[in-house]
Amino acid sequence: MFNSLLQILASTVPLAQAKQDWLTAYCEALHPGCGAGSEFLVQIAERVADLVLDIIGGVAVIMFLWGAQQIVTSGGNDERKNQGKDIILAALIGIFLAVVGNVVLSFVGTFVADNV
C-alpha cells in the first residue's frame, strides 16, 4: 500500500510541476531555493510542524508553570498538590509527543524527498 502511494505521488508531483510553473515562481519568490514538487511539499510540512511544535512547547511551559504554582500554593491540600502533579505530568507528555512527532515528520520528509 505504501509503495502504491509513493508511485501515485511520484507520477502526480512532476506533472503538477510541469503544468503549474507559477507555483515554482511563487515558491522561489517566498523562499529562494525551495525547489518544487515533493521538496516543496516537504518544506511546507516541516514549516507547519515547526510552528505547531513552538505552539505546543509554549503551552506546555505555561501548563508546567501552572502545575508548579498549584503545588507551591497548595498549603498542605493534597487534592491541589495531586492536581499540580497531574498537570506537570500532562505537560511533560505533551512535550515528549511534540518532539517525537517532529522526529517522525523529519524522517518521513527525508524519505519522501530522497525517494520521489
PDB file of N, CA and C in Angstrom:
ATOM      1  N   MET A   1       0.821  -1.184   0.000  1.00  0.00           N
ATOM      2  CA  MET A   1       0.000   0.000   0.000  1.00  0.00           C
ATOM      3  C   MET A   1       0.872   1.258   0.000  1.00  0.00           C
ATOM      4  N   PHE A   2       1.936   1.235   0.826  1.00  0.00           N
ATOM      5  CA  PHE A   2       2.809   2.404   0.900  1.00  0.00           C
ATOM      6  C   PHE A   2       3.527   2.644  -0.425  1.00  0.00           C
ATOM      7  N   ASN A   3       3.943   1.548  -1.087  1.00  0.00           N
ATOM      8  CA  ASN A   3       4.605   1.678  -2.388  1.00  0.00           C
ATOM      9  C   ASN A   3       3.671   2.273  -3.420  1.00  0.00           C
ATOM     10  N   SER A   4       2.413   1.857  -3.407  1.00  0.00           N
ATOM     11  CA  SER A   4       1.465   2.403  -4.384  1.00  0.00           C
ATOM     12  C   SER A   4       1.226   3.886  -4.127  1.00  0.00           C
ATOM     13  N   LEU A   5       1.208   4.286  -2.859  1.00  0.00           N
ATOM     14  CA  LEU A   5       1.057   5.707  -2.541  1.00  0.00           C
ATOM     15  C   LEU A   5       2.250   6.507  -3.059  1.00  0.00           C
ATOM     16  N   LEU A   6       3.456   5.959  -2.885  1.00  0.00           N
ATOM     17  CA  LEU A   6       4.640   6.641  -3.400  1.00  0.00           C
ATOM     18  C   LEU A   6       4.631   6.719  -4.926  1.00  0.00           C
ATOM     19  N   GLN A   7       4.137   5.679  -5.588  1.00  0.00           N
ATOM     20  CA  GLN A   7       4.053   5.700  -7.040  1.00  0.00           C
ATOM     21  C   GLN A   7       3.058   6.744  -7.516  1.00  0.00           C
ATOM     22  N   ILE A   8       1.946   6.864  -6.814  1.00  0.00           N
ATOM     23  CA  ILE A   8       0.964   7.897  -7.168  1.00  0.00           C
ATOM     24  C   ILE A   8       1.567   9.276  -6.974  1.00  0.00           C
ATOM     25  N   LEU A   9       2.263   9.473  -5.839  1.00  0.00           N
ATOM     26  CA  LEU A   9       2.922  10.761  -5.598  1.00  0.00           C
ATOM     27  C   LEU A   9       3.965  11.056  -6.664  1.00  0.00           C
ATOM     28  N   ALA A  10       4.756  10.045  -7.010  1.00  0.00           N
ATOM     29  CA  ALA A  10       5.822  10.234  -7.998  1.00  0.00           C
ATOM     30  C   ALA A  10       5.248  10.572  -9.367  1.00  0.00           C
ATOM     31  N   SER A  11       4.088  10.035  -9.686  1.00  0.00           N
ATOM     32  CA  SER A  11       3.515  10.307 -11.006  1.00  0.00           C
ATOM     33  C   SER A  11       2.795  11.646 -11.055  1.00  0.00           C
ATOM     34  N   THR A  12       2.260  12.131  -9.938  1.00  0.00           N
ATOM     35  CA  THR A  12       1.491  13.378  -9.973  1.00  0.00           C
ATOM     36  C   THR A  12       2.323  14.620  -9.707  1.00  0.00           C
ATOM     37  N   VAL A  13       3.343  14.519  -8.859  1.00  0.00           N
ATOM     38  CA  VAL A  13       4.105  15.710  -8.497  1.00  0.00           C
ATOM     39  C   VAL A  13       4.840  16.311  -9.695  1.00  0.00           C
ATOM     40  N   PRO A  14       5.582  15.536 -10.513  1.00  0.00           N
ATOM     41  CA  PRO A  14       6.228  16.161 -11.671  1.00  0.00           C
ATOM     42  C   PRO A  14       5.215  16.707 -12.673  1.00  0.00           C
ATOM     43  N   LEU A  15       4.073  16.037 -12.824  1.00  0.00           N
ATOM     44  CA  LEU A  15       3.040  16.510 -13.731  1.00  0.00           C
ATOM     45  C   LEU A  15       2.480  17.843 -13.247  1.00  0.00           C
ATOM     46  N   ALA A  16       2.233  17.938 -11.953  1.00  0.00           N
ATOM     47  CA  ALA A  16       1.723  19.189 -11.399  1.00  0.00           C
ATOM     48  C   ALA A  16       2.746  20.297 -11.565  1.00  0.00           C
ATOM     49  N   GLN A  17       4.020  19.969 -11.422  1.00  0.00           N
ATOM     50  CA  GLN A  17       5.058  20.975 -11.583  1.00  0.00           C
ATOM     51  C   GLN A  17       5.118  21.454 -13.032  1.00  0.00           C
ATOM     52  N   ALA A  18       4.974  20.550 -13.980  1.00  0.00           N
ATOM     53  CA  ALA A  18       5.043  20.931 -15.387  1.00  0.00           C
ATOM     54  C   ALA A  18       3.864  21.809 -15.779  1.00  0.00           C
ATOM     55  N   LYS A  19       2.691  21.552 -15.225  1.00  0.00           N
ATOM     56  CA  LYS A  19       1.514  22.322 -15.580  1.00  0.00           C
ATOM     57  C   LYS A  19       1.431  23.629 -14.823  1.00  0.00           C
ATOM     58  N   GLN A  20       2.101  23.735 -13.669  1.00  0.00           N
ATOM     59  CA  GLN A  20       1.945  24.923 -12.834  1.00  0.00           C
ATOM     60  C   GLN A  20       3.306  25.562 -12.570  1.00  0.00           C
ATOM     61  N   ASP A  21       3.859  26.177 -13.577  1.00  0.00           N
ATOM     62  CA  ASP A  21       5.135  26.861 -13.388  1.00  0.00           C
ATOM     63  C   ASP A  21       4.990  28.068 -12.469  1.00  0.00           C
ATOM     64  N   TRP A  22       3.767  28.604 -12.367  1.00  0.00           N
ATOM     65  CA  TRP A  22       3.540  29.731 -11.473  1.00  0.00           C
ATOM     66  C   TRP A  22       3.788  29.337 -10.025  1.00  0.00           C
ATOM     67  N   LEU A  23       3.563  28.059  -9.696  1.00  0.00           N
ATOM     68  CA  LEU A  23       3.797  27.595  -8.332  1.00  0.00           C
ATOM     69  C   LEU A  23       5.282  27.648  -7.998  1.00  0.00           C
ATOM     70  N   THR A  24       6.110  27.251  -8.945  1.00  0.00           N
ATOM     71  CA  THR A  24       7.553  27.305  -8.735  1.00  0.00           C
ATOM     72  C   THR A  24       8.004  28.760  -8.586  1.00  0.00           C
ATOM     73  N   ALA A  25       7.484  29.643  -9.424  1.00  0.00           N
ATOM     74  CA  ALA A  25       7.855  31.057  -9.330  1.00  0.00           C
ATOM     75  C   ALA A  25       7.400  31.649  -7.995  1.00  0.00           C
ATOM     76  N   TYR A  26       6.213  31.280  -7.547  1.00  0.00           N
ATOM     77  CA  TYR A  26       5.688  31.757  -6.269  1.00  0.00           C
ATOM     78  C   TYR A  26       6.552  31.249  -5.115  1.00  0.00           C
ATOM     79  N   CYS A  27       6.923  29.984  -5.195  1.00  0.00           N
ATOM     80  CA  CYS A  27       7.763  29.389  -4.162  1.00  0.00           C
ATOM     81  C   CYS A  27       9.131  30.079  -4.122  1.00  0.00           C
ATOM     82  N   GLU A  28       9.711  30.306  -5.281  1.00  0.00           N
ATOM     83  CA  GLU A  28      11.023  30.958  -5.348  1.00  0.00           C
ATOM     84  C   GLU A  28      10.957  32.388  -4.813  1.00  0.00           C
ATOM     85  N   ALA A  29       9.823  33.062  -5.033  1.00  0.00           N
ATOM     86  CA  ALA A  29       9.679  34.429  -4.528  1.00  0.00           C
ATOM     87  C   ALA A  29       9.614  34.436  -3.006  1.00  0.00           C
ATOM     88  N   LEU A  30       8.962  33.438  -2.426  1.00  0.00           N
ATOM     89  CA  LEU A  30       8.848  33.378  -0.972  1.00  0.00           C
ATOM     90  C   LEU A  30      10.146  32.945  -0.309  1.00  0.00           C
ATOM     91  N   HIS A  31      10.750  31.921  -0.889  1.00  0.00           N
ATOM     92  CA  HIS A  31      11.950  31.362  -0.274  1.00  0.00           C
ATOM     93  C   HIS A  31      12.860  30.822  -1.364  1.00  0.00           C
ATOM     94  N   PRO A  32      13.859  31.589  -1.774  1.00  0.00           N
ATOM     95  CA  PRO A  32      14.731  31.134  -2.862  1.00  0.00           C
ATOM     96  C   PRO A  32      15.370  29.786  -2.549  1.00  0.00           C
ATOM     97  N   GLY A  33      15.381  28.931  -3.557  1.00  0.00           N
ATOM     98  CA  GLY A  33      15.978  27.620  -3.401  1.00  0.00           C
ATOM     99  C   GLY A  33      15.061  26.594  -2.773  1.00  0.00           C
ATOM    100  N   CYS A  34      13.771  26.920  -2.718  1.00  0.00           N
ATOM    101  CA  CYS A  34      12.865  25.984  -2.051  1.00  0.00           C
ATOM    102  C   CYS A  34      12.550  24.779  -2.907  1.00  0.00           C
ATOM    103  N   GLY A  35      12.805  24.830  -4.190  1.00  0.00           N
ATOM    104  CA  GLY A  35      12.531  23.688  -5.047  1.00  0.00           C
ATOM    105  C   GLY A  35      11.066  23.616  -5.414  1.00  0.00           C
ATOM    106  N   ALA A  36      10.679  22.511  -5.982  1.00  0.00           N
ATOM    107  CA  ALA A  36       9.286  22.320  -6.361  1.00  0.00           C
ATOM    108  C   ALA A  36       8.965  20.846  -6.228  1.00  0.00           C
ATOM    109  N   GLY A  37       7.734  20.521  -6.404  1.00  0.00           N
ATOM    110  CA  GLY A  37       7.319  19.133  -6.314  1.00  0.00           C
ATOM    111  C   GLY A  37       7.382  18.633  -4.891  1.00  0.00           C
ATOM    112  N   SER A  38       7.974  17.467  -4.705  1.00  0.00           N
ATOM    113  CA  SER A  38       7.997  16.850  -3.381  1.00  0.00           C
ATOM    114  C   SER A  38       8.848  17.667  -2.403  1.00  0.00           C
ATOM    115  N   GLU A  39       9.912  18.306  -2.874  1.00  0.00           N
ATOM    116  CA  GLU A  39      10.734  19.129  -1.987  1.00  0.00           C
ATOM    117  C   GLU A  39       9.912  20.282  -1.416  1.00  0.00           C
ATOM    118  N   PHE A  40       9.078  20.876  -2.257  1.00  0.00           N
ATOM    119  CA  PHE A  40       8.227  21.977  -1.825  1.00  0.00           C
ATOM    120  C   PHE A  40       7.256  21.499  -0.755  1.00  0.00           C
ATOM    121  N   LEU A  41       6.637  20.338  -0.972  1.00  0.00           N
ATOM    122  CA  LEU A  41       5.683  19.799  -0.009  1.00  0.00           C
ATOM    123  C   LEU A  41       6.369  19.453   1.311  1.00  0.00           C
ATOM    124  N   VAL A  42       7.568  18.907   1.234  1.00  0.00           N
ATOM    125  CA  VAL A  42       8.298  18.554   2.446  1.00  0.00           C
ATOM    126  C   VAL A  42       8.643  19.805   3.237  1.00  0.00           C
ATOM    127  N   GLN A  43       9.075  20.861   2.552  1.00  0.00           N
ATOM    128  CA  GLN A  43       9.427  22.091   3.262  1.00  0.00           C
ATOM    129  C   GLN A  43       8.207  22.735   3.913  1.00  0.00           C
ATOM    130  N   ILE A  44       7.072  22.706   3.218  1.00  0.00           N
ATOM    131  CA  ILE A  44       5.843  23.260   3.815  1.00  0.00           C
ATOM    132  C   ILE A  44       5.474  22.456   5.059  1.00  0.00           C
ATOM    133  N   ALA A  45       5.532  21.123   4.972  1.00  0.00           N
ATOM    134  CA  ALA A  45       5.198  20.276   6.118  1.00  0.00           C
ATOM    135  C   ALA A  45       6.148  20.537   7.284  1.00  0.00           C
ATOM    136  N   GLU A  46       7.431  20.707   6.997  1.00  0.00           N
ATOM    137  CA  GLU A  46       8.397  20.975   8.067  1.00  0.00           C
ATOM    138  C   GLU A  46       8.141  22.331   8.713  1.00  0.00           C
ATOM    139  N   ARG A  47       7.782  23.330   7.925  1.00  0.00           N
ATOM    140  CA  ARG A  47       7.486  24.649   8.492  1.00  0.00           C
ATOM    141  C   ARG A  47       6.248  24.615   9.373  1.00  0.00           C
ATOM    142  N   VAL A  48       5.212  23.916   8.913  1.00  0.00           N
ATOM    143  CA  VAL A  48       3.991  23.793   9.717  1.00  0.00           C
ATOM    144  C   VAL A  48       4.294  23.037  11.010  1.00  0.00           C
ATOM    145  N   ALA A  49       5.084  21.961  10.916  1.00  0.00           N
ATOM    146  CA  ALA A  49       5.435  21.190  12.109  1.00  0.00           C
ATOM    147  C   ALA A  49       6.248  22.030  13.085  1.00  0.00           C
ATOM    148  N   ASP A  50       7.153  22.846  12.588  1.00  0.00           N
ATOM    149  CA  ASP A  50       7.925  23.720  13.470  1.00  0.00           C
ATOM    150  C   ASP A  50       7.024  24.718  14.195  1.00  0.00           C
ATOM    151  N   LEU A  51       6.050  25.262  13.471  1.00  0.00           N
ATOM    152  CA  LEU A  51       5.106  26.194  14.092  1.00  0.00           C
ATOM    153  C   LEU A  51       4.281  25.492  15.159  1.00  0.00           C
ATOM    154  N   VAL A  52       3.778  24.301  14.835  1.00  0.00           N
ATOM    155  CA  VAL A  52       2.979  23.547  15.800  1.00  0.00           C
ATOM    156  C   VAL A  52       3.826  23.169  17.011  1.00  0.00           C
ATOM    157  N   LEU A  53       5.077  22.773  16.778  1.00  0.00           N
ATOM    158  CA  LEU A  53       5.965  22.421  17.890  1.00  0.00           C
ATOM    159  C   LEU A  53       6.214  23.628  18.787  1.00  0.00           C
ATOM    160  N   ASP A  54       6.386  24.801  18.213  1.00  0.00           N
ATOM    161  CA  ASP A  54       6.564  26.015  19.014  1.00  0.00           C
ATOM    162  C   ASP A  54       5.325  26.303  19.856  1.00  0.00           C
ATOM    163  N   ILE A  55       4.155  26.150  19.265  1.00  0.00           N
ATOM    164  CA  ILE A  55       2.909  26.406  19.999  1.00  0.00           C
ATOM    165  C   ILE A  55       2.734  25.390  21.124  1.00  0.00           C
ATOM    166  N   ILE A  56       2.955  24.106  20.810  1.00  0.00           N
ATOM    167  CA  ILE A  56       2.814  23.069  21.831  1.00  0.00           C
ATOM    168  C   ILE A  56       3.841  23.278  22.945  1.00  0.00           C
ATOM    169  N   GLY A  57       5.059  23.627  22.579  1.00  0.00           N
ATOM    170  CA  GLY A  57       6.087  23.885  23.588  1.00  0.00           C
ATOM    171  C   GLY A  57       5.726  25.051  24.491  1.00  0.00           C
ATOM    172  N   GLY A  58       5.205  26.115  23.908  1.00  0.00           N
ATOM    173  CA  GLY A  58       4.795  27.274  24.712  1.00  0.00           C
ATOM    174  C   GLY A  58       3.658  26.944  25.664  1.00  0.00           C
ATOM    175  N   VAL A  59       2.657  26.234  25.157  1.00  0.00           N
ATOM    176  CA  VAL A  59       1.539  25.834  26.013  1.00  0.00           C
ATOM    177  C   VAL A  59       2.015  24.884  27.111  1.00  0.00           C
ATOM    178  N   ALA A  60       2.915  23.974  26.774  1.00  0.00           N
ATOM    179  CA  ALA A  60       3.423  23.022  27.772  1.00  0.00           C
ATOM    180  C   ALA A  60       4.203  23.731  28.875  1.00  0.00           C
ATOM    181  N   VAL A  61       4.977  24.741  28.516  1.00  0.00           N
ATOM    182  CA  VAL A  61       5.721  25.500  29.533  1.00  0.00           C
ATOM    183  C   VAL A  61       4.751  26.237  30.449  1.00  0.00           C
ATOM    184  N   ILE A  62       3.715  26.839  29.864  1.00  0.00           N
ATOM    185  CA  ILE A  62       2.710  27.531  30.675  1.00  0.00           C
ATOM    186  C   ILE A  62       2.006  26.549  31.606  1.00  0.00           C
ATOM    187  N   MET A  63       1.649  25.378  31.082  1.00  0.00           N
ATOM    188  CA  MET A  63       0.981  24.370  31.907  1.00  0.00           C
ATOM    189  C   MET A  63       1.920  23.855  33.000  1.00  0.00           C
ATOM    190  N   PHE A  64       3.188  23.693  32.668  1.00  0.00           N
ATOM    191  CA  PHE A  64       4.164  23.253  33.665  1.00  0.00           C
ATOM    192  C   PHE A  64       4.244  24.261  34.810  1.00  0.00           C
ATOM    193  N   LEU A  65       4.317  25.545  34.457  1.00  0.00           N
ATOM    194  CA  LEU A  65       4.386  26.587  35.486  1.00  0.00           C
ATOM    195  C   LEU A  65       3.097  26.651  36.304  1.00  0.00           C
ATOM    196  N   TRP A  66       1.971  26.444  35.644  1.00  0.00           N
ATOM    197  CA  TRP A  66       0.698  26.462  36.352  1.00  0.00           C
ATOM    198  C   TRP A  66       0.618  25.292  37.348  1.00  0.00           C
ATOM    199  N   GLY A  67       1.058  24.117  36.913  1.00  0.00           N
ATOM    200  CA  GLY A  67       1.088  22.963  37.822  1.00  0.00           C
ATOM    201  C   GLY A  67       2.019  23.202  38.995  1.00  0.00           C
ATOM    202  N   ALA A  68       3.176  23.793  38.724  1.00  0.00           N
ATOM    203  CA  ALA A  68       4.122  24.096  39.806  1.00  0.00           C
ATOM    204  C   ALA A  68       3.522  25.116  40.764  1.00  0.00           C
ATOM    205  N   GLN A  69       2.813  26.093  40.225  1.00  0.00           N
ATOM    206  CA  GLN A  69       2.165  27.106  41.071  1.00  0.00           C
ATOM    207  C   GLN A  69       1.105  26.461  41.959  1.00  0.00           C
ATOM    208  N   GLN A  70       0.379  25.497  41.413  1.00  0.00           N
ATOM    209  CA  GLN A  70      -0.643  24.828  42.223  1.00  0.00           C
ATOM    210  C   GLN A  70      -0.005  24.007  43.346  1.00  0.00           C
ATOM    211  N   ILE A  71       1.128  23.389  43.079  1.00  0.00           N
ATOM    212  CA  ILE A  71       1.808  22.624  44.123  1.00  0.00           C
ATOM    213  C   ILE A  71       2.328  23.557  45.213  1.00  0.00           C
ATOM    214  N   VAL A  72       2.941  24.668  44.797  1.00  0.00           N
ATOM    215  CA  VAL A  72       3.538  25.593  45.766  1.00  0.00           C
ATOM    216  C   VAL A  72       2.465  26.252  46.633  1.00  0.00           C
ATOM    217  N   THR A  73       1.328  26.591  46.036  1.00  0.00           N
ATOM    218  CA  THR A  73       0.278  27.287  46.778  1.00  0.00           C
ATOM    219  C   THR A  73      -0.769  26.336  47.355  1.00  0.00           C
ATOM    220  N   SER A  74      -0.499  25.048  47.369  1.00  0.00           N
ATOM    221  CA  SER A  74      -1.491  24.093  47.875  1.00  0.00           C
ATOM    222  C   SER A  74      -1.697  24.226  49.382  1.00  0.00           C
ATOM    223  N   GLY A  75      -0.698  24.674  50.084  1.00  0.00           N
ATOM    224  CA  GLY A  75      -0.835  24.889  51.524  1.00  0.00           C
ATOM    225  C   GLY A  75      -1.168  23.610  52.277  1.00  0.00           C
ATOM    226  N   GLY A  76      -0.636  22.503  51.830  1.00  0.00           N
ATOM    227  CA  GLY A  76      -0.883  21.243  52.509  1.00  0.00           C
ATOM    228  C   GLY A  76      -2.118  20.517  51.998  1.00  0.00           C
ATOM    229  N   ASN A  77      -2.847  21.107  51.054  1.00  0.00           N
ATOM    230  CA  ASN A  77      -4.035  20.469  50.486  1.00  0.00           C
ATOM    231  C   ASN A  77      -3.585  19.398  49.490  1.00  0.00           C
ATOM    232  N   ASP A  78      -3.818  18.141  49.838  1.00  0.00           N
ATOM    233  CA  ASP A  78      -3.349  17.036  48.993  1.00  0.00           C
ATOM    234  C   ASP A  78      -4.034  17.015  47.631  1.00  0.00           C
ATOM    235  N   GLU A  79      -5.278  17.454  47.571  1.00  0.00           N
ATOM    236  CA  GLU A  79      -6.002  17.448  46.293  1.00  0.00           C
ATOM    237  C   GLU A  79      -5.364  18.410  45.290  1.00  0.00           C
ATOM    238  N   ARG A  80      -5.043  19.613  45.738  1.00  0.00           N
ATOM    239  CA  ARG A  80      -4.392  20.585  44.839  1.00  0.00           C
ATOM    240  C   ARG A  80      -2.979  20.146  44.475  1.00  0.00           C
ATOM    241  N   LYS A  81      -2.295  19.523  45.415  1.00  0.00           N
ATOM    242  CA  LYS A  81      -0.945  19.030  45.140  1.00  0.00           C
ATOM    243  C   LYS A  81      -0.999  17.946  44.056  1.00  0.00           C
ATOM    244  N   ASN A  82      -1.940  17.037  44.157  1.00  0.00           N
ATOM    245  CA  ASN A  82      -2.089  15.995  43.146  1.00  0.00           C
ATOM    246  C   ASN A  82      -2.525  16.568  41.801  1.00  0.00           C
ATOM    247  N   GLN A  83      -3.374  17.594  41.827  1.00  0.00           N
ATOM    248  CA  GLN A  83      -3.765  18.275  40.581  1.00  0.00           C
ATOM    249  C   GLN A  83      -2.547  18.883  39.905  1.00  0.00           C
ATOM    250  N   GLY A  84      -1.699  19.532  40.674  1.00  0.00           N
ATOM    251  CA  GLY A  84      -0.479  20.129  40.126  1.00  0.00           C
ATOM    252  C   GLY A  84       0.446  19.084  39.535  1.00  0.00           C
ATOM    253  N   LYS A  85       0.579  17.950  40.210  1.00  0.00           N
ATOM    254  CA  LYS A  85       1.419  16.866  39.683  1.00  0.00           C
ATOM    255  C   LYS A  85       0.852  16.338  38.371  1.00  0.00           C
ATOM    256  N   ASP A  86      -0.473  16.191  38.315  1.00  0.00           N
ATOM    257  CA  ASP A  86      -1.102  15.701  37.082  1.00  0.00           C
ATOM    258  C   ASP A  86      -0.898  16.681  35.922  1.00  0.00           C
ATOM    259  N   ILE A  87      -0.979  17.969  36.209  1.00  0.00           N
ATOM    260  CA  ILE A  87      -0.778  18.986  35.166  1.00  0.00           C
ATOM    261  C   ILE A  87       0.665  18.952  34.667  1.00  0.00           C
ATOM    262  N   ILE A  88       1.606  18.834  35.582  1.00  0.00           N
ATOM    263  CA  ILE A  88       3.018  18.767  35.189  1.00  0.00           C
ATOM    264  C   ILE A  88       3.275  17.516  34.362  1.00  0.00           C
ATOM    265  N   LEU A  89       2.700  16.390  34.760  1.00  0.00           N
ATOM    266  CA  LEU A  89       2.876  15.148  34.005  1.00  0.00           C
ATOM    267  C   LEU A  89       2.287  15.291  32.595  1.00  0.00           C
ATOM    268  N   ALA A  90       1.117  15.890  32.483  1.00  0.00           N
ATOM    269  CA  ALA A  90       0.500  16.085  31.164  1.00  0.00           C
ATOM    270  C   ALA A  90       1.349  17.014  30.295  1.00  0.00           C
ATOM    271  N   ALA A  91       1.938  18.053  30.894  1.00  0.00           N
ATOM    272  CA  ALA A  91       2.798  18.961  30.136  1.00  0.00           C
ATOM    273  C   ALA A  91       4.045  18.243  29.630  1.00  0.00           C
ATOM    274  N   LEU A  92       4.635  17.403  30.451  1.00  0.00           N
ATOM    275  CA  LEU A  92       5.815  16.651  30.023  1.00  0.00           C
ATOM    276  C   LEU A  92       5.474  15.648  28.925  1.00  0.00           C
ATOM    277  N   ILE A  93       4.311  15.007  29.028  1.00  0.00           N
ATOM    278  CA  ILE A  93       3.876  14.091  27.971  1.00  0.00           C
ATOM    279  C   ILE A  93       3.642  14.861  26.671  1.00  0.00           C
ATOM    280  N   GLY A  94       3.065  16.047  26.768  1.00  0.00           N
ATOM    281  CA  GLY A  94       2.841  16.876  25.582  1.00  0.00           C
ATOM    282  C   GLY A  94       4.148  17.267  24.904  1.00  0.00           C
ATOM    283  N   ILE A  95       5.133  17.637  25.679  1.00  0.00           N
ATOM    284  CA  ILE A  95       6.441  17.986  25.111  1.00  0.00           C
ATOM    285  C   ILE A  95       7.062  16.768  24.435  1.00  0.00           C
ATOM    286  N   PHE A  96       6.980  15.610  25.092  1.00  0.00           N
ATOM    287  CA  PHE A  96       7.532  14.380  24.521  1.00  0.00           C
ATOM    288  C   PHE A  96       6.849  14.038  23.198  1.00  0.00           C
ATOM    289  N   LEU A  97       5.530  14.100  23.156  1.00  0.00           N
ATOM    290  CA  LEU A  97       4.812  13.779  21.925  1.00  0.00           C
ATOM    291  C   LEU A  97       5.121  14.775  20.804  1.00  0.00           C
ATOM    292  N   ALA A  98       5.298  16.039  21.141  1.00  0.00           N
ATOM    293  CA  ALA A  98       5.643  17.030  20.130  1.00  0.00           C
ATOM    294  C   ALA A  98       7.017  16.758  19.533  1.00  0.00           C
ATOM    295  N   VAL A  99       7.964  16.398  20.377  1.00  0.00           N
ATOM    296  CA  VAL A  99       9.314  16.106  19.889  1.00  0.00           C
ATOM    297  C   VAL A  99       9.307  14.839  19.034  1.00  0.00           C
ATOM    298  N   VAL A 100       8.595  13.807  19.482  1.00  0.00           N
ATOM    299  CA  VAL A 100       8.506  12.566  18.703  1.00  0.00           C
ATOM    300  C   VAL A 100       7.828  12.834  17.358  1.00  0.00           C
ATOM    301  N   GLY A 101       6.774  13.639  17.357  1.00  0.00           N
ATOM    302  CA  GLY A 101       6.104  13.985  16.106  1.00  0.00           C
ATOM    303  C   GLY A 101       7.021  14.722  15.152  1.00  0.00           C
ATOM    304  N   ASN A 102       7.836  15.600  15.673  1.00  0.00           N
ATOM    305  CA  ASN A 102       8.781  16.331  14.830  1.00  0.00           C
ATOM    306  C   ASN A 102       9.829  15.392  14.246  1.00  0.00           C
ATOM    307  N   VAL A 103      10.302  14.434  15.028  1.00  0.00           N
ATOM    308  CA  VAL A 103      11.290  13.469  14.541  1.00  0.00           C
ATOM    309  C   VAL A 103      10.674  12.597  13.446  1.00  0.00           C
ATOM    310  N   VAL A 104       9.443  12.139  13.663  1.00  0.00           N
ATOM    311  CA  VAL A 104       8.768  11.306  12.662  1.00  0.00           C
ATOM    312  C   VAL A 104       8.555  12.089  11.376  1.00  0.00           C
ATOM    313  N   LEU A 105       8.108  13.335  11.485  1.00  0.00           N
ATOM    314  CA  LEU A 105       7.906  14.156  10.299  1.00  0.00           C
ATOM    315  C   LEU A 105       9.216  14.391   9.560  1.00  0.00           C
ATOM    316  N   SER A 106      10.286  14.616  10.282  1.00  0.00           N
ATOM    317  CA  SER A 106      11.591  14.809   9.656  1.00  0.00           C
ATOM    318  C   SER A 106      12.023  13.547   8.915  1.00  0.00           C
ATOM    319  N   PHE A 107      11.821  12.380   9.533  1.00  0.00           N
ATOM    320  CA  PHE A 107      12.181  11.116   8.897  1.00  0.00           C
ATOM    321  C   PHE A 107      11.358  10.891   7.635  1.00  0.00           C
ATOM    322  N   VAL A 108      10.052  11.084   7.727  1.00  0.00           N
ATOM    323  CA  VAL A 108       9.183  10.880   6.566  1.00  0.00           C
ATOM    324  C   VAL A 108       9.514  11.894   5.469  1.00  0.00           C
ATOM    325  N   GLY A 109       9.776  13.134   5.850  1.00  0.00           N
ATOM    326  CA  GLY A 109      10.139  14.138   4.856  1.00  0.00           C
ATOM    327  C   GLY A 109      11.426  13.801   4.134  1.00  0.00           C
ATOM    328  N   THR A 110      12.422  13.320   4.855  1.00  0.00           N
ATOM    329  CA  THR A 110      13.675  12.905   4.241  1.00  0.00           C
ATOM    330  C   THR A 110      13.445  11.709   3.320  1.00  0.00           C
ATOM    331  N   PHE A 111      12.638  10.762   3.777  1.00  0.00           N
ATOM    332  CA  PHE A 111      12.351   9.573   2.968  1.00  0.00           C
ATOM    333  C   PHE A 111      11.640   9.943   1.678  1.00  0.00           C
ATOM    334  N   VAL A 112      10.644  10.814   1.775  1.00  0.00           N
ATOM    335  CA  VAL A 112       9.886  11.212   0.562  1.00  0.00           C
ATOM    336  C   VAL A 112      10.769  12.023  -0.374  1.00  0.00           C
ATOM    337  N   ALA A 113      11.562  12.931   0.170  1.00  0.00           N
ATOM    338  CA  ALA A 113      12.414  13.763  -0.676  1.00  0.00           C
ATOM    339  C   ALA A 113      13.479  12.934  -1.396  1.00  0.00           C
ATOM    340  N   ASP A 114      13.974  11.900  -0.744  1.00  0.00           N
ATOM    341  CA  ASP A 114      15.015  11.077  -1.346  1.00  0.00           C
ATOM    342  C   ASP A 114      14.465  10.045  -2.351  1.00  0.00           C
ATOM    343  N   ASN A 115      13.235   9.615  -2.164  1.00  0.00           N
ATOM    344  CA  ASN A 115      12.702   8.520  -2.970  1.00  0.00           C
ATOM    345  C   ASN A 115      11.714   8.951  -4.044  1.00  0.00           C
ATOM    346  N   VAL A 116      11.371  10.198  -4.105  1.00  0.00           N
ATOM    347  CA  VAL A 116      10.433  10.633  -5.145  1.00  0.00           C
ATOM    348  C   VAL A 116      11.138  11.485  -6.143  1.00  0.00           C
TER     349      VAL A 116
END
